[in-house]
Amino acid sequence: MYQEKIISPPSGYLTFALCLALLGASIFCFVTESFLWGGILLAIDIFLIFPGFLIINPNQSMVLTLFGKYIGTVKADGFFWVNPLTAKRRLSLKANNLNGQQLKVNDKLGNPIEIAAVVVWKVNETAKAVFSVENYMQYVNIQSEAAVRHLANIFPYDHSEGEEDSITLKDGADKVSELLENELNERLSRAGIEVLEARISHLAYAPEIASAMLQRQQATAVIAARKLMILKKNKG
């Protein structure tokens, strides 16, 4: 697996000044008609040098390869010059929002539910993002969906009788979000992706059982209220 290598290429301003000097010399040769071949060679040199210029904006990076070999990544913003023969791929280092689609899955108890998550992520290691996976954005989408499905399978939607202390998707939002973030970081580390935040954005019973579950919750609430009243009478 490729490890990111940060490089600092030379400033492009000195090379740009050299290009201007070569351009002036080339024009002089053509105007005076004394060194036509020299002017042609100088013009060719300018066209060979020019592709090496890089402009890196803030929160951007450039991955460089030379004849199939990874040379390094430029993360500093500014104006630079590199070997004109290098292949360049620009990657954004800004945070991205993934608003996952609603998934229909079964919770730990086998109840069909609808669940979706919002994931905030960014590229942390550019070499892994470019060389370790085919398409890192598609990789984030698929792995995020897989992590949400797995999370829904290991927790119940709501408390069942006798398990009031267990973690549920409905009431354990902070713990569930922490587990989702940890799992996503583990899954996406192969692609050099860092997950900044992950939270459940939608959670509900599937439509076919929603009314039945609502009736069960209402019945449970009535029973709990009656138990509380009985306890109060006994104490009185």
C-alpha atoms as a PDB file:
ATOM      1  CA  MET A   1       0.000   0.000   0.000  1.00  0.00           C
ATOM      2  CA  TYR A   2       1.369   3.415  -0.977  1.00  0.00           C
ATOM      3  CA  GLN A   3       2.364   5.835   1.764  1.00  0.00           C
ATOM      4  CA  GLU A   4       1.951   9.532   1.165  1.00  0.00           C
ATOM      5  CA  LYS A   5       5.164  11.468   0.512  1.00  0.00           C
ATOM      6  CA  ILE A   6       4.961  15.248   0.854  1.00  0.00           C
ATOM      7  CA  ILE A   7       7.304  17.163  -1.450  1.00  0.00           C
ATOM      8  CA  SER A   8       8.117  20.868  -1.795  1.00  0.00           C
ATOM      9  CA  PRO A   9       8.948  21.709  -5.423  1.00  0.00           C
ATOM     10  CA  PRO A  10      10.828  24.898  -6.275  1.00  0.00           C
ATOM     11  CA  SER A  11       8.941  28.142  -6.683  1.00  0.00           C
ATOM     12  CA  GLY A  12       7.582  28.767 -10.157  1.00  0.00           C
ATOM     13  CA  TYR A  13       8.399  32.486 -10.176  1.00  0.00           C
ATOM     14  CA  LEU A  14      12.100  32.045 -10.999  1.00  0.00           C
ATOM     15  CA  THR A  15      11.287  29.602 -13.801  1.00  0.00           C
ATOM     16  CA  PHE A  16       8.604  31.957 -15.104  1.00  0.00           C
ATOM     17  CA  ALA A  17      11.176  34.767 -15.199  1.00  0.00           C
ATOM     18  CA  LEU A  18      13.484  32.445 -17.136  1.00  0.00           C
ATOM     19  CA  CYS A  19      10.650  31.756 -19.625  1.00  0.00           C
ATOM     20  CA  LEU A  20      10.157  35.484 -20.128  1.00  0.00           C
ATOM     21  CA  ALA A  21      13.899  35.906 -20.750  1.00  0.00           C
ATOM     22  CA  LEU A  22      13.850  33.039 -23.280  1.00  0.00           C
ATOM     23  CA  LEU A  23      10.802  34.575 -24.948  1.00  0.00           C
ATOM     24  CA  GLY A  24      12.551  37.915 -25.259  1.00  0.00           C
ATOM     25  CA  ALA A  25      15.661  36.265 -26.690  1.00  0.00           C
ATOM     26  CA  SER A  26      13.556  34.262 -29.148  1.00  0.00           C
ATOM     27  CA  ILE A  27      11.734  37.384 -30.351  1.00  0.00           C
ATOM     28  CA  PHE A  28      15.071  39.182 -30.738  1.00  0.00           C
ATOM     29  CA  CYS A  29      16.403  36.338 -32.893  1.00  0.00           C
ATOM     30  CA  PHE A  30      13.370  36.410 -35.169  1.00  0.00           C
ATOM     31  CA  VAL A  31      13.337  40.221 -35.477  1.00  0.00           C
ATOM     32  CA  THR A  32      17.015  40.530 -36.305  1.00  0.00           C
ATOM     33  CA  GLU A  33      16.882  37.428 -38.588  1.00  0.00           C
ATOM     34  CA  SER A  34      20.433  36.672 -37.552  1.00  0.00           C
ATOM     35  CA  PHE A  35      19.860  33.569 -35.409  1.00  0.00           C
ATOM     36  CA  LEU A  36      16.655  32.023 -36.759  1.00  0.00           C
ATOM     37  CA  TRP A  37      17.568  28.506 -35.645  1.00  0.00           C
ATOM     38  CA  GLY A  38      18.460  29.849 -32.223  1.00  0.00           C
ATOM     39  CA  GLY A  39      15.073  31.565 -31.988  1.00  0.00           C
ATOM     40  CA  ILE A  40      13.290  28.342 -32.954  1.00  0.00           C
ATOM     41  CA  LEU A  41      15.198  26.363 -30.307  1.00  0.00           C
ATOM     42  CA  LEU A  42      14.421  28.980 -27.646  1.00  0.00           C
ATOM     43  CA  ALA A  43      10.715  28.869 -28.559  1.00  0.00           C
ATOM     44  CA  ILE A  44      10.739  25.053 -28.271  1.00  0.00           C
ATOM     45  CA  ASP A  45      12.382  25.327 -24.840  1.00  0.00           C
ATOM     46  CA  ILE A  46       9.598  27.629 -23.673  1.00  0.00           C
ATOM     47  CA  PHE A  47       6.903  25.139 -24.760  1.00  0.00           C
ATOM     48  CA  LEU A  48       8.771  22.307 -22.992  1.00  0.00           C
ATOM     49  CA  ILE A  49       9.129  24.232 -19.732  1.00  0.00           C
ATOM     50  CA  PHE A  50       5.600  25.635 -19.550  1.00  0.00           C
ATOM     51  CA  PRO A  51       3.721  22.361 -18.695  1.00  0.00           C
ATOM     52  CA  GLY A  52       5.739  22.113 -15.476  1.00  0.00           C
ATOM     53  CA  PHE A  53       4.006  25.049 -13.786  1.00  0.00           C
ATOM     54  CA  LEU A  54       1.628  24.239 -10.892  1.00  0.00           C
ATOM     55  CA  ILE A  55      -0.892  26.450  -9.139  1.00  0.00           C
ATOM     56  CA  ILE A  56      -2.109  24.903  -5.863  1.00  0.00           C
ATOM     57  CA  ASN A  57      -5.056  26.604  -4.180  1.00  0.00           C
ATOM     58  CA  PRO A  58      -5.696  26.398  -0.412  1.00  0.00           C
ATOM     59  CA  ASN A  59      -7.065  22.999   0.692  1.00  0.00           C
ATOM     60  CA  GLN A  60      -5.986  21.377  -2.548  1.00  0.00           C
ATOM     61  CA  SER A  61      -3.196  18.964  -3.409  1.00  0.00           C
ATOM     62  CA  MET A  62      -1.475  17.578  -6.485  1.00  0.00           C
ATOM     63  CA  VAL A  63      -0.346  13.949  -6.805  1.00  0.00           C
ATOM     64  CA  LEU A  64       2.657  13.584  -9.132  1.00  0.00           C
ATOM     65  CA  THR A  65       3.796  10.491 -11.031  1.00  0.00           C
ATOM     66  CA  LEU A  66       6.675  10.128 -13.470  1.00  0.00           C
ATOM     67  CA  PHE A  67       6.482   7.289 -15.994  1.00  0.00           C
ATOM     68  CA  GLY A  68       4.207   5.317 -13.684  1.00  0.00           C
ATOM     69  CA  LYS A  69       6.230   5.921 -10.509  1.00  0.00           C
ATOM     70  CA  TYR A  70       4.772   7.893  -7.607  1.00  0.00           C
ATOM     71  CA  ILE A  71       6.971  10.954  -7.017  1.00  0.00           C
ATOM     72  CA  GLY A  72       5.105  12.681  -4.192  1.00  0.00           C
ATOM     73  CA  THR A  73       2.258  14.986  -3.267  1.00  0.00           C
ATOM     74  CA  VAL A  74       2.286  18.775  -3.165  1.00  0.00           C
ATOM     75  CA  LYS A  75      -0.019  20.077  -0.408  1.00  0.00           C
ATOM     76  CA  ALA A  76       1.367  23.598   0.116  1.00  0.00           C
ATOM     77  CA  ASP A  77      -0.576  26.300  -1.705  1.00  0.00           C
ATOM     78  CA  GLY A  78       1.283  28.537  -4.131  1.00  0.00           C
ATOM     79  CA  PHE A  79       2.976  28.680  -7.534  1.00  0.00           C
ATOM     80  CA  PHE A  80       5.502  25.895  -8.273  1.00  0.00           C
ATOM     81  CA  TRP A  81       7.426  24.263 -11.083  1.00  0.00           C
ATOM     82  CA  VAL A  82       8.030  20.523 -11.470  1.00  0.00           C
ATOM     83  CA  ASN A  83       9.372  18.218 -14.142  1.00  0.00           C
ATOM     84  CA  PRO A  84       7.141  18.886 -17.186  1.00  0.00           C
ATOM     85  CA  LEU A  85       6.959  15.140 -17.919  1.00  0.00           C
ATOM     86  CA  THR A  86       5.204  14.327 -14.645  1.00  0.00           C
ATOM     87  CA  ALA A  87       1.530  13.337 -14.694  1.00  0.00           C
ATOM     88  CA  LYS A  88      -0.534  15.434 -12.314  1.00  0.00           C
ATOM     89  CA  ARG A  89      -3.786  14.662 -10.501  1.00  0.00           C
ATOM     90  CA  ARG A  90      -5.502  17.322  -8.419  1.00  0.00           C
ATOM     91  CA  LEU A  91      -7.325  16.282  -5.232  1.00  0.00           C
ATOM     92  CA  SER A  92      -9.414  18.420  -2.909  1.00  0.00           C
ATOM     93  CA  LEU A  93      -8.605  18.322   0.815  1.00  0.00           C
ATOM     94  CA  LYS A  94     -11.862  20.025   1.795  1.00  0.00           C
ATOM     95  CA  ALA A  95     -14.477  18.359   3.984  1.00  0.00           C
ATOM     96  CA  ASN A  96     -17.296  16.607   2.120  1.00  0.00           C
ATOM     97  CA  ASN A  97     -20.858  15.797   3.193  1.00  0.00           C
ATOM     98  CA  LEU A  98     -22.342  12.426   2.316  1.00  0.00           C
ATOM     99  CA  ASN A  99     -26.100  12.427   2.834  1.00  0.00           C
ATOM    100  CA  GLY A 100     -26.771   8.709   2.680  1.00  0.00           C
ATOM    101  CA  GLN A 101     -29.946   7.353   1.140  1.00  0.00           C
ATOM    102  CA  GLN A 102     -32.614   5.709   3.278  1.00  0.00           C
ATOM    103  CA  LEU A 103     -31.928   1.989   3.642  1.00  0.00           C
ATOM    104  CA  LYS A 104     -34.470  -0.663   4.544  1.00  0.00           C
ATOM    105  CA  VAL A 105     -32.829  -3.227   6.839  1.00  0.00           C
ATOM    106  CA  ASN A 106     -33.680  -5.485   9.777  1.00  0.00           C
ATOM    107  CA  ASP A 107     -32.596  -4.518  13.277  1.00  0.00           C
ATOM    108  CA  LYS A 108     -31.182  -6.962  15.839  1.00  0.00           C
ATOM    109  CA  LEU A 109     -34.669  -8.280  16.644  1.00  0.00           C
ATOM    110  CA  GLY A 110     -35.547  -8.782  12.995  1.00  0.00           C
ATOM    111  CA  ASN A 111     -37.875  -5.795  12.729  1.00  0.00           C
ATOM    112  CA  PRO A 112     -37.735  -4.003   9.344  1.00  0.00           C
ATOM    113  CA  ILE A 113     -36.621  -0.390   9.780  1.00  0.00           C
ATOM    114  CA  GLU A 114     -35.602   2.577   7.648  1.00  0.00           C
ATOM    115  CA  ILE A 115     -32.249   4.161   8.452  1.00  0.00           C
ATOM    116  CA  ALA A 116     -29.937   6.773   6.893  1.00  0.00           C
ATOM    117  CA  ALA A 117     -26.782   8.564   8.009  1.00  0.00           C
ATOM    118  CA  VAL A 118     -24.867  11.764   7.313  1.00  0.00           C
ATOM    119  CA  VAL A 119     -21.095  11.383   7.055  1.00  0.00           C
ATOM    120  CA  VAL A 120     -18.560  14.240   7.029  1.00  0.00           C
ATOM    121  CA  TRP A 121     -15.262  13.092   5.513  1.00  0.00           C
ATOM    122  CA  LYS A 122     -12.119  14.345   3.798  1.00  0.00           C
ATOM    123  CA  VAL A 123      -9.068  12.983   2.003  1.00  0.00           C
ATOM    124  CA  ASN A 124      -6.241  12.583   4.508  1.00  0.00           C
ATOM    125  CA  GLU A 125      -3.657  10.532   2.567  1.00  0.00           C
ATOM    126  CA  THR A 126      -3.689  11.341  -1.131  1.00  0.00           C
ATOM    127  CA  ALA A 127      -1.495   8.432  -2.264  1.00  0.00           C
ATOM    128  CA  LYS A 128      -3.920   5.858  -0.825  1.00  0.00           C
ATOM    129  CA  ALA A 129      -6.926   7.701  -2.278  1.00  0.00           C
ATOM    130  CA  VAL A 130      -5.412   7.614  -5.789  1.00  0.00           C
ATOM    131  CA  PHE A 131      -3.554   4.288  -5.887  1.00  0.00           C
ATOM    132  CA  SER A 132      -5.235   1.955  -3.349  1.00  0.00           C
ATOM    133  CA  VAL A 133      -8.824   2.110  -4.659  1.00  0.00           C
ATOM    134  CA  GLU A 134     -10.332   2.524  -8.110  1.00  0.00           C
ATOM    135  CA  ASN A 135     -12.599   5.450  -7.242  1.00  0.00           C
ATOM    136  CA  TYR A 136     -12.303   6.808  -3.713  1.00  0.00           C
ATOM    137  CA  MET A 137     -15.614   8.732  -3.797  1.00  0.00           C
ATOM    138  CA  GLN A 138     -17.539   5.633  -4.868  1.00  0.00           C
ATOM    139  CA  TYR A 139     -15.617   3.676  -2.225  1.00  0.00           C
ATOM    140  CA  VAL A 140     -16.813   6.097   0.469  1.00  0.00           C
ATOM    141  CA  ASN A 141     -20.437   5.747  -0.665  1.00  0.00           C
ATOM    142  CA  ILE A 142     -20.442   1.934  -0.720  1.00  0.00           C
ATOM    143  CA  GLN A 143     -18.537   1.455   2.541  1.00  0.00           C
ATOM    144  CA  SER A 144     -20.724   4.007   4.326  1.00  0.00           C
ATOM    145  CA  GLU A 145     -23.840   2.115   3.283  1.00  0.00           C
ATOM    146  CA  ALA A 146     -22.292  -1.169   4.426  1.00  0.00           C
ATOM    147  CA  ALA A 147     -21.368   0.306   7.816  1.00  0.00           C
ATOM    148  CA  VAL A 148     -24.885   1.663   8.385  1.00  0.00           C
ATOM    149  CA  ARG A 149     -26.404  -1.712   7.489  1.00  0.00           C
ATOM    150  CA  HIS A 150     -24.057  -3.492   9.880  1.00  0.00           C
ATOM    151  CA  LEU A 151     -24.848  -1.039  12.672  1.00  0.00           C
ATOM    152  CA  ALA A 152     -28.594  -1.525  12.214  1.00  0.00           C
ATOM    153  CA  ASN A 153     -28.171  -5.302  12.404  1.00  0.00           C
ATOM    154  CA  ILE A 154     -26.387  -5.329  15.780  1.00  0.00           C
ATOM    155  CA  PHE A 155     -28.748  -3.028  17.719  1.00  0.00           C
ATOM    156  CA  PRO A 156     -32.517  -3.139  18.270  1.00  0.00           C
ATOM    157  CA  TYR A 157     -34.601  -0.177  17.198  1.00  0.00           C
ATOM    158  CA  ASP A 158     -36.137   0.260  20.651  1.00  0.00           C
ATOM    159  CA  HIS A 159     -36.067  -1.341  24.100  1.00  0.00           C
ATOM    160  CA  SER A 160     -37.790  -4.670  24.522  1.00  0.00           C
ATOM    161  CA  GLU A 161     -39.169  -5.961  27.770  1.00  0.00           C
ATOM    162  CA  GLY A 162     -36.435  -6.728  30.292  1.00  0.00           C
ATOM    163  CA  GLU A 163     -33.686  -4.982  28.301  1.00  0.00           C
ATOM    164  CA  GLU A 164     -34.116  -1.369  29.335  1.00  0.00           C
ATOM    165  CA  ASP A 165     -30.363  -0.953  29.936  1.00  0.00           C
ATOM    166  CA  SER A 166     -29.271  -2.087  26.448  1.00  0.00           C
ATOM    167  CA  ILE A 167     -28.196   0.334  23.707  1.00  0.00           C
ATOM    168  CA  THR A 168     -30.814   0.995  21.046  1.00  0.00           C
ATOM    169  CA  LEU A 169     -30.781   2.874  17.769  1.00  0.00           C
ATOM    170  CA  LYS A 170     -33.563   5.155  18.975  1.00  0.00           C
ATOM    171  CA  ASP A 171     -32.266   6.180  22.415  1.00  0.00           C
ATOM    172  CA  GLY A 172     -28.495   5.606  22.166  1.00  0.00           C
ATOM    173  CA  ALA A 173     -27.781   8.260  19.527  1.00  0.00           C
ATOM    174  CA  ASP A 174     -24.405   9.388  20.919  1.00  0.00           C
ATOM    175  CA  LYS A 175     -23.043   5.868  21.420  1.00  0.00           C
ATOM    176  CA  VAL A 176     -24.375   4.670  18.073  1.00  0.00           C
ATOM    177  CA  SER A 177     -22.828   7.670  16.294  1.00  0.00           C
ATOM    178  CA  GLU A 178     -19.481   7.010  17.991  1.00  0.00           C
ATOM    179  CA  LEU A 179     -19.517   3.348  16.921  1.00  0.00           C
ATOM    180  CA  LEU A 180     -20.508   4.314  13.368  1.00  0.00           C
ATOM    181  CA  GLU A 181     -17.681   6.869  13.147  1.00  0.00           C
ATOM    182  CA  ASN A 182     -15.119   4.337  14.436  1.00  0.00           C
ATOM    183  CA  GLU A 183     -16.251   1.658  12.005  1.00  0.00           C
ATOM    184  CA  LEU A 184     -16.186   4.062   9.074  1.00  0.00           C
ATOM    185  CA  ASN A 185     -12.658   5.222   9.937  1.00  0.00           C
ATOM    186  CA  GLU A 186     -11.559   1.605  10.012  1.00  0.00           C
ATOM    187  CA  ARG A 187     -13.228   0.764   6.713  1.00  0.00           C
ATOM    188  CA  LEU A 188     -12.089   3.919   4.872  1.00  0.00           C
ATOM    189  CA  SER A 189      -8.493   4.030   6.125  1.00  0.00           C
ATOM    190  CA  ARG A 190      -7.511   1.843   3.145  1.00  0.00           C
ATOM    191  CA  ALA A 191      -8.500   4.709   0.844  1.00  0.00           C
ATOM    192  CA  GLY A 192      -6.783   7.403   2.928  1.00  0.00           C
ATOM    193  CA  ILE A 193     -10.123   8.867   4.054  1.00  0.00           C
ATOM    194  CA  GLU A 194     -10.683  10.416   7.489  1.00  0.00           C
ATOM    195  CA  VAL A 195     -14.236  10.538   8.883  1.00  0.00           C
ATOM    196  CA  LEU A 196     -14.789  13.734  10.851  1.00  0.00           C
ATOM    197  CA  GLU A 197     -18.361  13.022  11.953  1.00  0.00           C
ATOM    198  CA  ALA A 198     -21.046  10.415  11.369  1.00  0.00           C
ATOM    199  CA  ARG A 199     -24.621  10.600  12.644  1.00  0.00           C
ATOM    200  CA  ILE A 200     -27.932   8.885  12.027  1.00  0.00           C
ATOM    201  CA  SER A 201     -30.131  11.328  10.078  1.00  0.00           C
ATOM    202  CA  HIS A 202     -33.254   9.196   9.656  1.00  0.00           C
ATOM    203  CA  LEU A 203     -34.627   6.344  11.740  1.00  0.00           C
ATOM    204  CA  ALA A 204     -38.109   4.846  11.629  1.00  0.00           C
ATOM    205  CA  TYR A 205     -39.938   1.550  11.512  1.00  0.00           C
ATOM    206  CA  ALA A 206     -40.758   0.363   8.006  1.00  0.00           C
ATOM    207  CA  PRO A 207     -44.273   1.431   6.902  1.00  0.00           C
ATOM    208  CA  GLU A 208     -45.650  -2.130   6.987  1.00  0.00           C
ATOM    209  CA  ILE A 209     -45.086  -2.481  10.757  1.00  0.00           C
ATOM    210  CA  ALA A 210     -45.093   1.170  11.861  1.00  0.00           C
ATOM    211  CA  SER A 211     -48.734   1.177  13.034  1.00  0.00           C
ATOM    212  CA  ALA A 212     -48.345  -2.117  14.917  1.00  0.00           C
ATOM    213  CA  MET A 213     -45.220  -0.891  16.669  1.00  0.00           C
ATOM    214  CA  LEU A 214     -46.950   2.373  17.589  1.00  0.00           C
ATOM    215  CA  GLN A 215     -49.772   0.425  19.215  1.00  0.00           C
ATOM    216  CA  ARG A 216     -47.245  -1.698  21.122  1.00  0.00           C
ATOM    217  CA  GLN A 217     -45.432   1.416  22.370  1.00  0.00           C
ATOM    218  CA  GLN A 218     -48.723   2.941  23.483  1.00  0.00           C
ATOM    219  CA  ALA A 219     -49.679  -0.248  25.306  1.00  0.00           C
ATOM    220  CA  THR A 220     -46.265  -0.377  26.980  1.00  0.00           C
ATOM    221  CA  ALA A 221     -46.645   3.236  28.094  1.00  0.00           C
ATOM    222  CA  VAL A 222     -50.088   2.515  29.584  1.00  0.00           C
ATOM    223  CA  ILE A 223     -48.762  -0.508  31.476  1.00  0.00           C
ATOM    224  CA  ALA A 224     -45.814   1.513  32.785  1.00  0.00           C
ATOM    225  CA  ALA A 225     -48.179   4.284  33.953  1.00  0.00           C
ATOM    226  CA  ARG A 226     -50.386   1.773  35.767  1.00  0.00           C
ATOM    227  CA  LYS A 227     -47.365   0.226  37.492  1.00  0.00           C
ATOM    228  CA  LEU A 228     -46.278   3.696  38.624  1.00  0.00           C
ATOM    229  CA  MET A 229     -49.742   4.427  40.019  1.00  0.00           C
ATOM    230  CA  ILE A 230     -49.770   1.130  41.925  1.00  0.00           C
ATOM    231  CA  LEU A 231     -46.356   1.885  43.418  1.00  0.00           C
ATOM    232  CA  LYS A 232     -47.540   5.315  44.539  1.00  0.00           C
ATOM    233  CA  LYS A 233     -50.639   3.832  46.189  1.00  0.00           C
ATOM    234  CA  ASN A 234     -48.551   1.222  47.993  1.00  0.00           C
ATOM    235  CA  LYS A 235     -46.211   3.891  49.309  1.00  0.00           C
ATOM    236  CA  GLY A 236     -49.175   6.016  50.389  1.00  0.00           C
END
